[in-house]
Amino acid sequence: MLRMFVIAAAIVAALSLGATAQGLGSMQVANDLGSVLASETACELKFNQAAIAAYIDEIVEATDMGFASNLSTMTSGHEYRLRDMSTSAKTAHCAQISRVAKSYGFID
């Protein structure tokens, strides 16, 4: 009986770790994508909306109900941070954001 309990506890622990890792992965995607999306106006870019939707469709689990809210929060935070960036920091930021956006097909 004790052996069955230990096995059941190990399975629950493993499933919990998987759920936690998935949640952290989703939050990281929301943060990273939020940084890119927040930079669109500040970096004077124009993103391909279909490419953004395709990226989300490919990367984000369809059942991730919190992703949209997390993305909104992260995007707002990055927009706020961009307002206070120095010219040099903004230049460096926008240079990398342009490279990232191009690599995902958000811009040509």
Protein backbone atom coordinates (compact mmCIF):
# COMPACT_ATOMS: atom_id res chain seq x y z
CA MET A 1 0.00 0.00 0.00
CA LEU A 2 2.80 2.38 0.93
CA ARG A 3 4.55 1.57 -2.35
CA MET A 4 1.41 2.54 -4.34
CA PHE A 5 1.19 5.81 -2.41
CA VAL A 6 4.83 6.62 -3.17
CA ILE A 7 4.32 5.87 -6.87
CA ALA A 8 1.17 8.00 -6.97
CA ALA A 9 2.97 10.86 -5.20
CA ALA A 10 5.85 10.66 -7.68
CA ILE A 11 3.43 10.82 -10.61
CA VAL A 12 1.62 13.83 -9.15
CA ALA A 13 4.95 15.57 -8.51
CA ALA A 14 6.11 14.92 -12.07
CA LEU A 15 2.86 16.24 -13.52
CA SER A 16 3.08 19.32 -11.31
CA LEU A 17 6.61 20.04 -12.49
CA GLY A 18 5.47 19.75 -16.10
CA ALA A 19 2.60 22.16 -15.52
CA THR A 20 4.91 24.63 -13.79
CA ALA A 21 7.45 24.47 -16.60
CA GLN A 22 4.70 24.97 -19.17
CA GLY A 23 3.37 27.97 -17.25
CA LEU A 24 6.80 29.54 -17.01
CA GLY A 25 7.35 28.91 -20.71
CA SER A 26 4.08 30.63 -21.52
CA MET A 27 5.00 33.60 -19.35
CA GLN A 28 8.40 33.86 -21.06
CA VAL A 29 6.74 33.83 -24.49
CA ALA A 30 4.28 36.54 -23.33
CA ASN A 31 7.18 38.63 -22.02
CA ASP A 32 9.32 38.23 -25.14
CA LEU A 33 6.48 38.80 -27.59
CA GLY A 34 5.27 41.72 -25.46
CA SER A 35 8.68 43.34 -25.81
CA VAL A 36 8.55 43.00 -29.58
CA LEU A 37 4.95 44.22 -29.89
CA ALA A 38 5.54 47.16 -27.54
CA SER A 39 8.45 48.24 -29.73
CA GLU A 40 6.45 48.48 -32.96
CA THR A 41 5.60 52.18 -32.60
CA ALA A 42 8.72 53.22 -30.66
CA CYS A 43 10.97 51.64 -33.31
CA GLU A 44 8.82 52.92 -36.21
CA LEU A 45 8.04 49.42 -37.48
CA LYS A 46 4.91 48.01 -39.12
CA PHE A 47 4.28 44.38 -38.27
CA ASN A 48 2.56 41.79 -40.43
CA GLN A 49 -0.54 40.91 -38.41
CA ALA A 50 -0.96 37.50 -40.03
CA ALA A 51 2.63 36.62 -39.07
CA ILE A 52 1.94 37.53 -35.43
CA ALA A 53 -1.19 35.37 -35.42
CA ALA A 54 0.73 32.48 -37.04
CA TYR A 55 3.50 32.79 -34.43
CA ILE A 56 0.99 32.60 -31.58
CA ASP A 57 -0.81 29.69 -33.25
CA GLU A 58 2.48 27.79 -33.51
CA ILE A 59 4.01 28.62 -30.12
CA VAL A 60 1.15 29.09 -27.63
CA GLU A 61 -1.02 26.19 -26.43
CA ALA A 62 -4.62 26.61 -27.58
CA THR A 63 -5.76 25.87 -24.02
CA ASP A 64 -3.57 28.59 -22.44
CA MET A 65 -6.33 30.87 -21.18
CA GLY A 66 -3.91 33.20 -19.37
CA PHE A 67 -1.65 33.96 -22.31
CA ALA A 68 -3.64 36.89 -23.72
CA SER A 69 -3.85 38.58 -20.33
CA ASN A 70 -0.16 37.99 -19.62
CA LEU A 71 0.75 39.30 -23.07
CA SER A 72 -1.28 42.46 -22.48
CA THR A 73 0.38 43.05 -19.11
CA MET A 74 3.86 42.45 -20.47
CA THR A 75 3.28 44.63 -23.53
CA SER A 76 2.07 47.52 -21.35
CA GLY A 77 5.11 47.17 -19.10
CA HIS A 78 7.50 47.24 -22.03
CA GLU A 79 5.71 50.27 -23.53
CA TYR A 80 6.17 52.10 -20.22
CA ARG A 81 9.87 51.15 -20.09
CA LEU A 82 10.44 52.32 -23.67
CA ARG A 83 9.19 55.84 -22.88
CA ASP A 84 12.12 56.45 -20.52
CA MET A 85 14.88 54.88 -22.61
CA SER A 86 17.88 56.96 -23.59
CA THR A 87 18.49 57.52 -27.27
CA SER A 88 21.39 55.07 -27.34
CA ALA A 89 19.50 52.40 -25.41
CA LYS A 90 16.53 52.82 -27.73
CA THR A 91 18.80 52.55 -30.79
CA ALA A 92 20.30 49.30 -29.50
CA HIS A 93 16.90 47.98 -28.46
CA CYS A 94 15.30 48.76 -31.81
CA ALA A 95 18.21 47.27 -33.74
CA GLN A 96 17.71 43.92 -32.00
CA ILE A 97 13.92 44.09 -32.11
CA SER A 98 14.11 44.66 -35.88
CA ARG A 99 16.32 41.59 -36.24
CA VAL A 100 13.98 39.47 -34.12
CA ALA A 101 10.88 40.71 -35.92
CA LYS A 102 12.46 39.97 -39.28
CA SER A 103 13.48 36.46 -38.19
CA TYR A 104 9.85 35.64 -37.34
CA GLY A 105 8.45 37.25 -40.50
CA PHE A 106 6.79 40.12 -38.63
CA ILE A 107 8.55 42.54 -41.02
CA ASP A 108 10.21 42.13 -44.42
